[in-house]
C-alpha atoms as a PDB file:
ATOM      1  CA  MET A   1      -9.241  -5.221  12.451  1.00  0.00           C
ATOM      2  CA  THR A   2      -5.647  -4.835  11.296  1.00  0.00           C
ATOM      3  CA  ASN A   3      -3.944  -1.513  10.707  1.00  0.00           C
ATOM      4  CA  PHE A   4      -1.833  -1.147   7.586  1.00  0.00           C
ATOM      5  CA  LYS A   5       0.647   1.545   6.687  1.00  0.00           C
ATOM      6  CA  ILE A   6      -0.313   2.710   3.200  1.00  0.00           C
ATOM      7  CA  ILE A   7       1.922   4.696   0.867  1.00  0.00           C
ATOM      8  CA  VAL A   8       0.054   7.159  -1.349  1.00  0.00           C
ATOM      9  CA  GLU A   9       1.836   8.728  -4.319  1.00  0.00           C
ATOM     10  CA  LYS A  10       0.533  11.721  -6.251  1.00  0.00           C
ATOM     11  CA  HIS A  11       1.231  11.604  -9.986  1.00  0.00           C
ATOM     12  CA  SER A  12       0.266  13.980 -12.780  1.00  0.00           C
ATOM     13  CA  ASP A  13      -2.613  11.686 -13.786  1.00  0.00           C
ATOM     14  CA  GLY A  14      -3.892  10.697 -10.321  1.00  0.00           C
ATOM     15  CA  TYR A  15      -2.945   8.847  -7.144  1.00  0.00           C
ATOM     16  CA  VAL A  16      -1.471   5.404  -6.521  1.00  0.00           C
ATOM     17  CA  ALA A  17      -1.615   3.664  -3.127  1.00  0.00           C
ATOM     18  CA  TYR A  18      -0.042   0.484  -1.821  1.00  0.00           C
ATOM     19  CA  PRO A  19       0.243  -1.108   1.621  1.00  0.00           C
ATOM     20  CA  LEU A  20       3.335  -2.190   3.492  1.00  0.00           C
ATOM     21  CA  GLY A  21       3.468  -5.530   5.272  1.00  0.00           C
ATOM     22  CA  LEU A  22       1.744  -7.797   2.751  1.00  0.00           C
ATOM     23  CA  LYS A  23       3.251 -10.543   0.627  1.00  0.00           C
ATOM     24  CA  GLY A  24       2.498  -9.997  -3.041  1.00  0.00           C
ATOM     25  CA  VAL A  25       1.472  -6.950  -5.003  1.00  0.00           C
ATOM     26  CA  VAL A  26      -1.511  -4.889  -3.868  1.00  0.00           C
ATOM     27  CA  VAL A  27      -2.186  -1.517  -5.516  1.00  0.00           C
ATOM     28  CA  GLY A  28      -5.043   0.953  -5.587  1.00  0.00           C
ATOM     29  CA  GLU A  29      -5.513   4.018  -7.753  1.00  0.00           C
ATOM     30  CA  GLY A  30      -7.843   6.954  -8.134  1.00  0.00           C
ATOM     31  CA  ASP A  31      -8.286  10.494  -9.319  1.00  0.00           C
ATOM     32  CA  THR A  32      -8.161  11.725  -5.706  1.00  0.00           C
ATOM     33  CA  TYR A  33      -6.258  10.767  -2.558  1.00  0.00           C
ATOM     34  CA  GLU A  34      -9.460   9.472  -0.984  1.00  0.00           C
ATOM     35  CA  ALA A  35     -10.361   7.405  -4.058  1.00  0.00           C
ATOM     36  CA  ALA A  36      -6.927   5.764  -4.115  1.00  0.00           C
ATOM     37  CA  VAL A  37      -7.131   4.901  -0.399  1.00  0.00           C
ATOM     38  CA  THR A  38     -10.629   3.470  -0.827  1.00  0.00           C
ATOM     39  CA  ASP A  39      -9.447   1.423  -3.803  1.00  0.00           C
ATOM     40  CA  VAL A  40      -6.381   0.031  -2.018  1.00  0.00           C
ATOM     41  CA  LYS A  41      -8.451  -0.884   1.059  1.00  0.00           C
ATOM     42  CA  SER A  42     -10.717  -2.892  -1.229  1.00  0.00           C
ATOM     43  CA  ALA A  43      -7.664  -4.488  -2.868  1.00  0.00           C
ATOM     44  CA  ILE A  44      -6.244  -5.413   0.564  1.00  0.00           C
ATOM     45  CA  ARG A  45      -9.525  -7.089   1.556  1.00  0.00           C
ATOM     46  CA  PHE A  46      -9.608  -9.000  -1.754  1.00  0.00           C
ATOM     47  CA  HIS A  47      -5.953 -10.053  -1.357  1.00  0.00           C
ATOM     48  CA  LEU A  48      -6.547 -11.353   2.173  1.00  0.00           C
ATOM     49  CA  ASP A  49      -9.795 -13.096   1.166  1.00  0.00           C
ATOM     50  CA  THR A  50      -7.940 -14.766  -1.718  1.00  0.00           C
ATOM     51  CA  PHE A  51      -4.673 -15.743  -0.020  1.00  0.00           C
ATOM     52  CA  GLY A  52      -5.712 -15.862   3.632  1.00  0.00           C
ATOM     53  CA  PRO A  53      -3.663 -14.858   6.663  1.00  0.00           C
ATOM     54  CA  ASP A  54      -0.478 -16.227   5.051  1.00  0.00           C
ATOM     55  CA  ALA A  55      -0.494 -13.076   2.907  1.00  0.00           C
ATOM     56  CA  LEU A  56       0.407 -11.041   6.001  1.00  0.00           C
ATOM     57  CA  ASP A  57       4.146 -10.568   6.293  1.00  0.00           C
ATOM     58  CA  ALA A  58       4.214 -11.218  10.052  1.00  0.00           C
ATOM     59  CA  ASP A  59       7.993 -11.745  10.109  1.00  0.00           C
ATOM     60  CA  SER A  60       8.585  -8.198   8.969  1.00  0.00           C
ATOM     61  CA  ALA A  61       5.913  -6.033  10.572  1.00  0.00           C
ATOM     62  CA  VAL A  62       6.366  -2.384   9.623  1.00  0.00           C
ATOM     63  CA  LEU A  63       6.600  -0.312  12.805  1.00  0.00           C
ATOM     64  CA  GLU A  64       7.241   3.015  11.101  1.00  0.00           C
ATOM     65  CA  ALA A  65       7.694   4.231   7.542  1.00  0.00           C
ATOM     66  CA  TYR A  66       9.725   7.222   6.396  1.00  0.00           C
ATOM     67  CA  LEU A  67      10.033   9.148   3.171  1.00  0.00           C
ATOM     68  CA  THR A  68      13.328  10.632   2.121  1.00  0.00           C
ATOM     69  CA  ASP A  69      14.503  12.473  -0.960  1.00  0.00           C
ATOM     70  CA  GLU A  70      18.103  11.661  -1.880  1.00  0.00           C
ATOM     71  CA  ALA A  71      20.183  12.674  -4.896  1.00  0.00           C
ATOM     72  CA  ILE A  72      21.882   9.794  -6.735  1.00  0.00           C
ATOM     73  CA  ALA A  73      24.078  10.160  -9.806  1.00  0.00           C
ATOM     74  CA  VAL A  74      22.668   8.225 -12.766  1.00  0.00           C
END
């Protein structure tokens, strides 16, 4: 078993989830938070089955993740 930190975003049309600490793009989606997490867990398993343990970004293990909201002039 490996624990992953997973970011879940709520959008107007549903939820998007993606893990930290993997090489490549892995995304899950769903109409609910739970559905998005279930989908991304399946996508993580598929990604690791496809690319093997080299898909783990062991050199940059995520210890903690933070969310901040910053204003930037654009």
